[in-house]
Amino acid sequence: MIRKTLVDKVKMNDDHSMIAFTLDVGNTERLTGGIKDMINNEVLKNIRLENISQIEFGRGRETIYYVETD
């Protein structure tokens, strides 16, 4: 059996310097979220959100909102 990782959603902040994304790792329908800094071209390793359904940026680069699933 092949376990796939699917990109679910991708959102950019206001100045397009950050990308928020959700992934379905192993096709389990349990989403993991992360943030990529487009200026430094790196995924922020200290931000990993488990069991979420949505992710959005607030204003600027400092605030994100997300919805956890039960």
PDB file of N, CA and C in Angstrom:
ATOM      1  N   MET A   1       0.844  -1.182   0.000  1.00  0.00           N
ATOM      2  CA  MET A   1       0.000   0.000   0.000  1.00  0.00           C
ATOM      3  C   MET A   1       0.888   1.244   0.000  1.00  0.00           C
ATOM      4  N   ILE A   2       0.603   2.185  -0.864  1.00  0.00           N
ATOM      5  CA  ILE A   2       1.378   3.417  -0.966  1.00  0.00           C
ATOM      6  C   ILE A   2       0.704   4.489  -0.111  1.00  0.00           C
ATOM      7  N   ARG A   3       1.487   5.095   0.797  1.00  0.00           N
ATOM      8  CA  ARG A   3       0.975   6.186   1.632  1.00  0.00           C
ATOM      9  C   ARG A   3       1.326   7.502   0.960  1.00  0.00           C
ATOM     10  N   LYS A   4       0.318   8.278   0.650  1.00  0.00           N
ATOM     11  CA  LYS A   4       0.523   9.544  -0.047  1.00  0.00           C
ATOM     12  C   LYS A   4       0.402  10.718   0.901  1.00  0.00           C
ATOM     13  N   THR A   5       1.094  11.780   0.567  1.00  0.00           N
ATOM     14  CA  THR A   5       0.933  13.058   1.253  1.00  0.00           C
ATOM     15  C   THR A   5       0.324  14.027   0.261  1.00  0.00           C
ATOM     16  N   LEU A   6      -0.813  14.605   0.642  1.00  0.00           N
ATOM     17  CA  LEU A   6      -1.532  15.515  -0.235  1.00  0.00           C
ATOM     18  C   LEU A   6      -1.516  16.921   0.337  1.00  0.00           C
ATOM     19  N   VAL A   7      -1.289  17.918  -0.512  1.00  0.00           N
ATOM     20  CA  VAL A   7      -1.423  19.312  -0.100  1.00  0.00           C
ATOM     21  C   VAL A   7      -2.906  19.635  -0.145  1.00  0.00           C
ATOM     22  N   ASP A   8      -3.453  20.106   0.990  1.00  0.00           N
ATOM     23  CA  ASP A   8      -4.887  20.376   1.075  1.00  0.00           C
ATOM     24  C   ASP A   8      -5.185  21.839   0.755  1.00  0.00           C
ATOM     25  N   LYS A   9      -4.582  22.771   1.502  1.00  0.00           N
ATOM     26  CA  LYS A   9      -4.826  24.198   1.300  1.00  0.00           C
ATOM     27  C   LYS A   9      -3.508  24.970   1.353  1.00  0.00           C
ATOM     28  N   VAL A  10      -3.455  26.075   0.628  1.00  0.00           N
ATOM     29  CA  VAL A  10      -2.301  26.977   0.646  1.00  0.00           C
ATOM     30  C   VAL A  10      -2.840  28.406   0.735  1.00  0.00           C
ATOM     31  N   LYS A  11      -2.331  29.182   1.696  1.00  0.00           N
ATOM     32  CA  LYS A  11      -2.746  30.576   1.880  1.00  0.00           C
ATOM     33  C   LYS A  11      -1.501  31.447   1.983  1.00  0.00           C
ATOM     34  N   MET A  12      -1.563  32.670   1.434  1.00  0.00           N
ATOM     35  CA  MET A  12      -0.442  33.615   1.539  1.00  0.00           C
ATOM     36  C   MET A  12      -0.837  34.772   2.441  1.00  0.00           C
ATOM     37  N   ASN A  13       0.159  35.349   3.129  1.00  0.00           N
ATOM     38  CA  ASN A  13      -0.127  36.531   3.938  1.00  0.00           C
ATOM     39  C   ASN A  13      -0.221  37.766   3.033  1.00  0.00           C
ATOM     40  N   ASP A  14      -0.537  38.913   3.636  1.00  0.00           N
ATOM     41  CA  ASP A  14      -0.801  40.139   2.863  1.00  0.00           C
ATOM     42  C   ASP A  14       0.335  40.567   1.946  1.00  0.00           C
ATOM     43  N   ASP A  15       1.579  40.467   2.424  1.00  0.00           N
ATOM     44  CA  ASP A  15       2.701  40.923   1.598  1.00  0.00           C
ATOM     45  C   ASP A  15       3.389  39.781   0.837  1.00  0.00           C
ATOM     46  N   HIS A  16       2.795  38.618   0.845  1.00  0.00           N
ATOM     47  CA  HIS A  16       3.265  37.428   0.112  1.00  0.00           C
ATOM     48  C   HIS A  16       4.638  36.947   0.556  1.00  0.00           C
ATOM     49  N   SER A  17       5.006  37.245   1.800  1.00  0.00           N
ATOM     50  CA  SER A  17       6.305  36.799   2.307  1.00  0.00           C
ATOM     51  C   SER A  17       6.204  35.471   3.069  1.00  0.00           C
ATOM     52  N   MET A  18       4.975  35.025   3.363  1.00  0.00           N
ATOM     53  CA  MET A  18       4.769  33.775   4.107  1.00  0.00           C
ATOM     54  C   MET A  18       3.659  32.971   3.441  1.00  0.00           C
ATOM     55  N   ILE A  19       3.792  31.656   3.496  1.00  0.00           N
ATOM     56  CA  ILE A  19       2.755  30.756   3.009  1.00  0.00           C
ATOM     57  C   ILE A  19       2.368  29.828   4.146  1.00  0.00           C
ATOM     58  N   ALA A  20       1.065  29.694   4.381  1.00  0.00           N
ATOM     59  CA  ALA A  20       0.546  28.704   5.320  1.00  0.00           C
ATOM     60  C   ALA A  20      -0.015  27.556   4.483  1.00  0.00           C
ATOM     61  N   PHE A  21       0.163  26.336   4.955  1.00  0.00           N
ATOM     62  CA  PHE A  21      -0.315  25.188   4.190  1.00  0.00           C
ATOM     63  C   PHE A  21      -0.841  24.111   5.126  1.00  0.00           C
ATOM     64  N   THR A  22      -1.734  23.287   4.602  1.00  0.00           N
ATOM     65  CA  THR A  22      -2.171  22.096   5.321  1.00  0.00           C
ATOM     66  C   THR A  22      -1.878  20.884   4.443  1.00  0.00           C
ATOM     67  N   LEU A  23      -1.442  19.824   5.102  1.00  0.00           N
ATOM     68  CA  LEU A  23      -1.090  18.570   4.437  1.00  0.00           C
ATOM     69  C   LEU A  23      -1.893  17.424   5.030  1.00  0.00           C
ATOM     70  N   ASP A  24      -2.260  16.486   4.191  1.00  0.00           N
ATOM     71  CA  ASP A  24      -2.862  15.233   4.642  1.00  0.00           C
ATOM     72  C   ASP A  24      -1.787  14.159   4.470  1.00  0.00           C
ATOM     73  N   VAL A  25      -1.072  13.879   5.547  1.00  0.00           N
ATOM     74  CA  VAL A  25       0.039  12.928   5.507  1.00  0.00           C
ATOM     75  C   VAL A  25      -0.511  11.507   5.613  1.00  0.00           C
ATOM     76  N   GLY A  26      -0.236  10.687   4.627  1.00  0.00           N
ATOM     77  CA  GLY A  26      -0.683   9.299   4.633  1.00  0.00           C
ATOM     78  C   GLY A  26      -2.136   9.119   4.263  1.00  0.00           C
ATOM     79  N   ASN A  27      -2.769  10.167   3.698  1.00  0.00           N
ATOM     80  CA  ASN A  27      -4.165  10.096   3.277  1.00  0.00           C
ATOM     81  C   ASN A  27      -5.083   9.649   4.416  1.00  0.00           C
ATOM     82  N   THR A  28      -4.884  10.257   5.609  1.00  0.00           N
ATOM     83  CA  THR A  28      -5.638   9.890   6.804  1.00  0.00           C
ATOM     84  C   THR A  28      -6.791  10.843   7.086  1.00  0.00           C
ATOM     85  N   GLU A  29      -6.893  11.942   6.331  1.00  0.00           N
ATOM     86  CA  GLU A  29      -7.876  13.002   6.533  1.00  0.00           C
ATOM     87  C   GLU A  29      -7.676  13.745   7.847  1.00  0.00           C
ATOM     88  N   ARG A  30      -6.509  13.609   8.465  1.00  0.00           N
ATOM     89  CA  ARG A  30      -6.103  14.397   9.636  1.00  0.00           C
ATOM     90  C   ARG A  30      -5.025  15.353   9.152  1.00  0.00           C
ATOM     91  N   LEU A  31      -5.350  16.637   9.119  1.00  0.00           N
ATOM     92  CA  LEU A  31      -4.463  17.620   8.496  1.00  0.00           C
ATOM     93  C   LEU A  31      -3.407  18.146   9.459  1.00  0.00           C
ATOM     94  N   THR A  32      -2.224  18.355   8.910  1.00  0.00           N
ATOM     95  CA  THR A  32      -1.108  18.979   9.611  1.00  0.00           C
ATOM     96  C   THR A  32      -0.818  20.293   8.911  1.00  0.00           C
ATOM     97  N   GLY A  33      -0.609  21.366   9.696  1.00  0.00           N
ATOM     98  CA  GLY A  33      -0.352  22.673   9.123  1.00  0.00           C
ATOM     99  C   GLY A  33       1.069  23.132   9.368  1.00  0.00           C
ATOM    100  N   GLY A  34       1.543  23.990   8.480  1.00  0.00           N
ATOM    101  CA  GLY A  34       2.876  24.555   8.616  1.00  0.00           C
ATOM    102  C   GLY A  34       2.958  25.906   7.941  1.00  0.00           C
ATOM    103  N   ILE A  35       4.103  26.554   8.122  1.00  0.00           N
ATOM    104  CA  ILE A  35       4.345  27.894   7.566  1.00  0.00           C
ATOM    105  C   ILE A  35       5.687  27.882   6.839  1.00  0.00           C
ATOM    106  N   LYS A  36       5.719  28.489   5.659  1.00  0.00           N
ATOM    107  CA  LYS A  36       6.974  28.658   4.927  1.00  0.00           C
ATOM    108  C   LYS A  36       7.272  30.142   4.796  1.00  0.00           C
ATOM    109  N   ASP A  37       8.483  30.527   5.162  1.00  0.00           N
ATOM    110  CA  ASP A  37       8.984  31.894   5.003  1.00  0.00           C
ATOM    111  C   ASP A  37       9.556  31.996   3.587  1.00  0.00           C
ATOM    112  N   MET A  38       8.900  32.774   2.744  1.00  0.00           N
ATOM    113  CA  MET A  38       9.318  32.875   1.349  1.00  0.00           C
ATOM    114  C   MET A  38      10.560  33.748   1.179  1.00  0.00           C
ATOM    115  N   ILE A  39      10.844  34.633   2.129  1.00  0.00           N
ATOM    116  CA  ILE A  39      12.039  35.479   2.054  1.00  0.00           C
ATOM    117  C   ILE A  39      13.290  34.627   2.260  1.00  0.00           C
ATOM    118  N   ASN A  40      13.257  33.755   3.271  1.00  0.00           N
ATOM    119  CA  ASN A  40      14.406  32.886   3.568  1.00  0.00           C
ATOM    120  C   ASN A  40      14.300  31.521   2.898  1.00  0.00           C
ATOM    121  N   ASN A  41      13.186  31.262   2.209  1.00  0.00           N
ATOM    122  CA  ASN A  41      12.951  30.003   1.509  1.00  0.00           C
ATOM    123  C   ASN A  41      13.093  28.793   2.438  1.00  0.00           C
ATOM    124  N   GLU A  42      12.437  28.865   3.616  1.00  0.00           N
ATOM    125  CA  GLU A  42      12.496  27.734   4.539  1.00  0.00           C
ATOM    126  C   GLU A  42      11.172  27.532   5.268  1.00  0.00           C
ATOM    127  N   VAL A  43      10.857  26.274   5.516  1.00  0.00           N
ATOM    128  CA  VAL A  43       9.691  25.927   6.322  1.00  0.00           C
ATOM    129  C   VAL A  43      10.077  26.145   7.782  1.00  0.00           C
ATOM    130  N   LEU A  44       9.218  26.837   8.540  1.00  0.00           N
ATOM    131  CA  LEU A  44       9.508  27.103   9.947  1.00  0.00           C
ATOM    132  C   LEU A  44       9.298  25.824  10.753  1.00  0.00           C
ATOM    133  N   LYS A  45      10.372  25.254  11.236  1.00  0.00           N
ATOM    134  CA  LYS A  45      10.330  23.964  11.911  1.00  0.00           C
ATOM    135  C   LYS A  45       9.670  24.031  13.285  1.00  0.00           C
ATOM    136  N   ASN A  46       9.636  25.207  13.898  1.00  0.00           N
ATOM    137  CA  ASN A  46       9.036  25.331  15.229  1.00  0.00           C
ATOM    138  C   ASN A  46       7.519  25.510  15.177  1.00  0.00           C
ATOM    139  N   ILE A  47       6.934  25.577  13.972  1.00  0.00           N
ATOM    140  CA  ILE A  47       5.484  25.685  13.842  1.00  0.00           C
ATOM    141  C   ILE A  47       4.971  24.459  13.096  1.00  0.00           C
ATOM    142  N   ARG A  48       4.302  23.581  13.852  1.00  0.00           N
ATOM    143  CA  ARG A  48       3.667  22.401  13.263  1.00  0.00           C
ATOM    144  C   ARG A  48       2.339  22.222  13.980  1.00  0.00           C
ATOM    145  N   LEU A  49       1.262  22.355  13.257  1.00  0.00           N
ATOM    146  CA  LEU A  49      -0.076  22.310  13.823  1.00  0.00           C
ATOM    147  C   LEU A  49      -0.738  20.988  13.451  1.00  0.00           C
ATOM    148  N   GLU A  50      -1.111  20.211  14.437  1.00  0.00           N
ATOM    149  CA  GLU A  50      -1.703  18.894  14.202  1.00  0.00           C
ATOM    150  C   GLU A  50      -3.220  18.959  14.309  1.00  0.00           C
ATOM    151  N   ASN A  51      -3.895  18.131  13.534  1.00  0.00           N
ATOM    152  CA  ASN A  51      -5.361  17.981  13.579  1.00  0.00           C
ATOM    153  C   ASN A  51      -6.093  19.309  13.412  1.00  0.00           C
ATOM    154  N   ILE A  52      -5.802  19.997  12.322  1.00  0.00           N
ATOM    155  CA  ILE A  52      -6.486  21.251  12.034  1.00  0.00           C
ATOM    156  C   ILE A  52      -7.317  21.085  10.771  1.00  0.00           C
ATOM    157  N   SER A  53      -8.278  21.989  10.587  1.00  0.00           N
ATOM    158  CA  SER A  53      -9.078  21.936   9.365  1.00  0.00           C
ATOM    159  C   SER A  53      -8.867  23.172   8.492  1.00  0.00           C
ATOM    160  N   GLN A  54      -8.492  24.294   9.110  1.00  0.00           N
ATOM    161  CA  GLN A  54      -8.288  25.534   8.364  1.00  0.00           C
ATOM    162  C   GLN A  54      -7.136  26.318   8.967  1.00  0.00           C
ATOM    163  N   ILE A  55      -6.528  27.161   8.132  1.00  0.00           N
ATOM    164  CA  ILE A  55      -5.454  28.031   8.599  1.00  0.00           C
ATOM    165  C   ILE A  55      -5.532  29.339   7.811  1.00  0.00           C
ATOM    166  N   GLU A  56      -5.354  30.452   8.499  1.00  0.00           N
ATOM    167  CA  GLU A  56      -5.421  31.788   7.887  1.00  0.00           C
ATOM    168  C   GLU A  56      -4.397  32.695   8.559  1.00  0.00           C
ATOM    169  N   PHE A  57      -3.929  33.692   7.825  1.00  0.00           N
ATOM    170  CA  PHE A  57      -3.054  34.712   8.395  1.00  0.00           C
ATOM    171  C   PHE A  57      -3.880  35.875   8.920  1.00  0.00           C
ATOM    172  N   GLY A  58      -3.406  36.491  10.004  1.00  0.00           N
ATOM    173  CA  GLY A  58      -3.892  37.797  10.415  1.00  0.00           C
ATOM    174  C   GLY A  58      -3.107  38.824   9.609  1.00  0.00           C
ATOM    175  N   ARG A  59      -3.065  40.044  10.074  1.00  0.00           N
ATOM    176  CA  ARG A  59      -2.270  41.059   9.372  1.00  0.00           C
ATOM    177  C   ARG A  59      -0.787  40.831   9.610  1.00  0.00           C
ATOM    178  N   GLY A  60       0.008  41.048   8.570  1.00  0.00           N
ATOM    179  CA  GLY A  60       1.461  40.963   8.693  1.00  0.00           C
ATOM    180  C   GLY A  60       1.988  39.542   8.791  1.00  0.00           C
ATOM    181  N   ARG A  61       3.100  39.401   9.505  1.00  0.00           N
ATOM    182  CA  ARG A  61       3.802  38.121   9.586  1.00  0.00           C
ATOM    183  C   ARG A  61       3.709  37.478  10.972  1.00  0.00           C
ATOM    184  N   GLU A  62       3.009  38.111  11.899  1.00  0.00           N
ATOM    185  CA  GLU A  62       3.073  37.667  13.290  1.00  0.00           C
ATOM    186  C   GLU A  62       1.879  36.841  13.770  1.00  0.00           C
ATOM    187  N   THR A  63       0.762  36.844  13.048  1.00  0.00           N
ATOM    188  CA  THR A  63      -0.445  36.203  13.553  1.00  0.00           C
ATOM    189  C   THR A  63      -0.997  35.197  12.556  1.00  0.00           C
ATOM    190  N   ILE A  64      -1.309  33.998  13.053  1.00  0.00           N
ATOM    191  CA  ILE A  64      -2.047  33.013  12.268  1.00  0.00           C
ATOM    192  C   ILE A  64      -3.231  32.539  13.100  1.00  0.00           C
ATOM    193  N   TYR A  65      -4.278  32.181  12.401  1.00  0.00           N
ATOM    194  CA  TYR A  65      -5.466  31.610  13.022  1.00  0.00           C
ATOM    195  C   TYR A  65      -5.659  30.212  12.444  1.00  0.00           C
ATOM    196  N   TYR A  66      -6.092  29.295  13.281  1.00  0.00           N
ATOM    197  CA  TYR A  66      -6.368  27.949  12.787  1.00  0.00           C
ATOM    198  C   TYR A  66      -7.511  27.340  13.580  1.00  0.00           C
ATOM    199  N   VAL A  67      -8.155  26.357  12.960  1.00  0.00           N
ATOM    200  CA  VAL A  67      -9.276  25.651  13.581  1.00  0.00           C
ATOM    201  C   VAL A  67      -8.837  24.223  13.837  1.00  0.00           C
ATOM    202  N   GLU A  68      -8.915  23.800  15.109  1.00  0.00           N
ATOM    203  CA  GLU A  68      -8.591  22.421  15.465  1.00  0.00           C
ATOM    204  C   GLU A  68      -9.805  21.539  15.262  1.00  0.00           C
ATOM    205  N   THR A  69      -9.591  20.290  14.911  1.00  0.00           N
ATOM    206  CA  THR A  69     -10.677  19.326  14.785  1.00  0.00           C
ATOM    207  C   THR A  69     -10.720  18.449  16.031  1.00  0.00           C
ATOM    208  N   ASP A  70     -11.896  17.910  16.315  1.00  0.00           N
ATOM    209  CA  ASP A  70     -12.057  17.017  17.472  1.00  0.00           C
ATOM    210  C   ASP A  70     -11.637  15.613  17.130  1.00  0.00           C
TER     211      ASP A  70
END
